[in-house]
Amino acid sequence: METLIEQDRVRRSDIDAVVVKTIATVLTSFGFEEGDRRELRADFQHLRRWRRSVEQAQNYTFKAVITMLATGFLGAVWLGIKATLGK
């Protein structure tokens, strides 16, 4: 039983080593060096902040467009009522 447990530990450590090496290889192929982890993290944090600000701007733009359409519609209704009552 202990042999099976030890084999499982060895297998998992081998898998972990392969995964770490694969990730390092992929990041290196994209131009990221292993020592640049802090820079990489800062880049991703910057991208996240930028994405959130773009989403917020889109949300505000959508609200502004809806407000303008509603205001225009209500203005047209008001002018229609005013013209109808003025006759």
Protein backbone atom coordinates (compact mmCIF):
# COMPACT_ATOMS: atom_id res chain seq x y z
CA MET A 1 0.00 0.00 0.00
CA GLU A 2 2.81 2.41 0.88
CA THR A 3 4.44 1.69 -2.46
CA LEU A 4 1.29 2.74 -4.31
CA ILE A 5 1.07 5.95 -2.30
CA GLU A 6 4.73 6.72 -3.02
CA GLN A 7 4.21 6.00 -6.73
CA ASP A 8 1.22 8.35 -6.74
CA ARG A 9 3.32 11.11 -5.12
CA VAL A 10 6.08 10.63 -7.67
CA ARG A 11 3.57 10.65 -10.52
CA ARG A 12 1.97 13.85 -9.25
CA SER A 13 5.32 15.58 -8.81
CA ASP A 14 6.26 14.53 -12.36
CA ILE A 15 2.98 15.93 -13.66
CA ASP A 16 3.52 19.18 -11.74
CA ALA A 17 7.02 19.52 -13.18
CA VAL A 18 5.74 18.96 -16.73
CA VAL A 19 2.95 21.51 -16.24
CA VAL A 20 5.32 24.15 -14.85
CA LYS A 21 7.78 23.57 -17.70
CA THR A 22 4.98 23.75 -20.29
CA ILE A 23 3.63 27.01 -18.89
CA ALA A 24 7.13 28.50 -18.81
CA THR A 25 7.68 27.42 -22.42
CA VAL A 26 4.39 28.93 -23.56
CA LEU A 27 5.06 32.22 -21.77
CA THR A 28 8.57 32.34 -23.21
CA SER A 29 7.18 31.75 -26.70
CA PHE A 30 4.93 34.78 -26.17
CA GLY A 31 7.96 36.86 -25.20
CA PHE A 32 7.63 36.72 -21.41
CA GLU A 33 10.73 35.79 -19.48
CA GLU A 34 10.47 33.75 -16.29
CA GLY A 35 11.97 36.57 -14.24
CA ASP A 36 9.35 39.05 -15.43
CA ARG A 37 6.53 37.73 -13.26
CA ARG A 38 6.04 41.05 -11.47
CA GLU A 39 5.91 42.90 -14.76
CA LEU A 40 3.54 40.33 -16.21
CA ARG A 41 1.26 40.65 -13.20
CA ALA A 42 1.36 44.45 -13.46
CA ASP A 43 0.53 44.23 -17.17
CA PHE A 44 -2.48 42.01 -16.50
CA GLN A 45 -3.64 44.32 -13.70
CA HIS A 46 -3.36 47.29 -16.06
CA LEU A 47 -5.32 45.43 -18.74
CA ARG A 48 -8.02 44.57 -16.21
CA ARG A 49 -8.33 48.21 -15.11
CA TRP A 50 -8.45 49.32 -18.75
CA ARG A 51 -11.14 46.75 -19.59
CA ARG A 52 -13.24 47.82 -16.61
CA SER A 53 -12.95 51.50 -17.55
CA VAL A 54 -14.00 50.71 -21.14
CA GLU A 55 -16.98 48.72 -19.87
CA GLN A 56 -17.94 51.59 -17.57
CA ALA A 57 -17.68 54.09 -20.44
CA GLN A 58 -19.88 51.86 -22.60
CA ASN A 59 -22.41 51.66 -19.79
CA TYR A 60 -22.50 55.45 -19.38
CA THR A 61 -22.76 55.92 -23.16
CA PHE A 62 -25.68 53.49 -23.34
CA LYS A 63 -27.46 55.32 -20.51
CA ALA A 64 -26.86 58.68 -22.20
CA VAL A 65 -28.27 57.44 -25.52
CA ILE A 66 -31.37 56.00 -23.82
CA THR A 67 -31.86 59.27 -21.91
CA MET A 68 -31.59 61.32 -25.11
CA LEU A 69 -34.07 59.07 -26.94
CA ALA A 70 -36.54 59.19 -24.07
CA THR A 71 -36.20 62.98 -23.81
CA GLY A 72 -36.73 63.39 -27.56
CA PHE A 73 -39.78 61.12 -27.49
CA LEU A 74 -41.30 62.94 -24.52
CA GLY A 75 -40.57 66.30 -26.20
CA ALA A 76 -42.35 65.14 -29.36
CA VAL A 77 -45.33 63.94 -27.33
CA TRP A 78 -45.43 67.26 -25.47
CA LEU A 79 -45.32 69.23 -28.72
CA GLY A 80 -48.10 67.02 -30.13
CA ILE A 81 -50.28 67.59 -27.07
CA LYS A 82 -49.54 71.31 -27.13
CA ALA A 83 -50.40 71.53 -30.84
CA THR A 84 -53.60 69.52 -30.35
CA LEU A 85 -54.78 71.64 -27.44
CA GLY A 86 -53.79 74.87 -29.18
CA LYS A 87 -56.20 74.29 -32.08
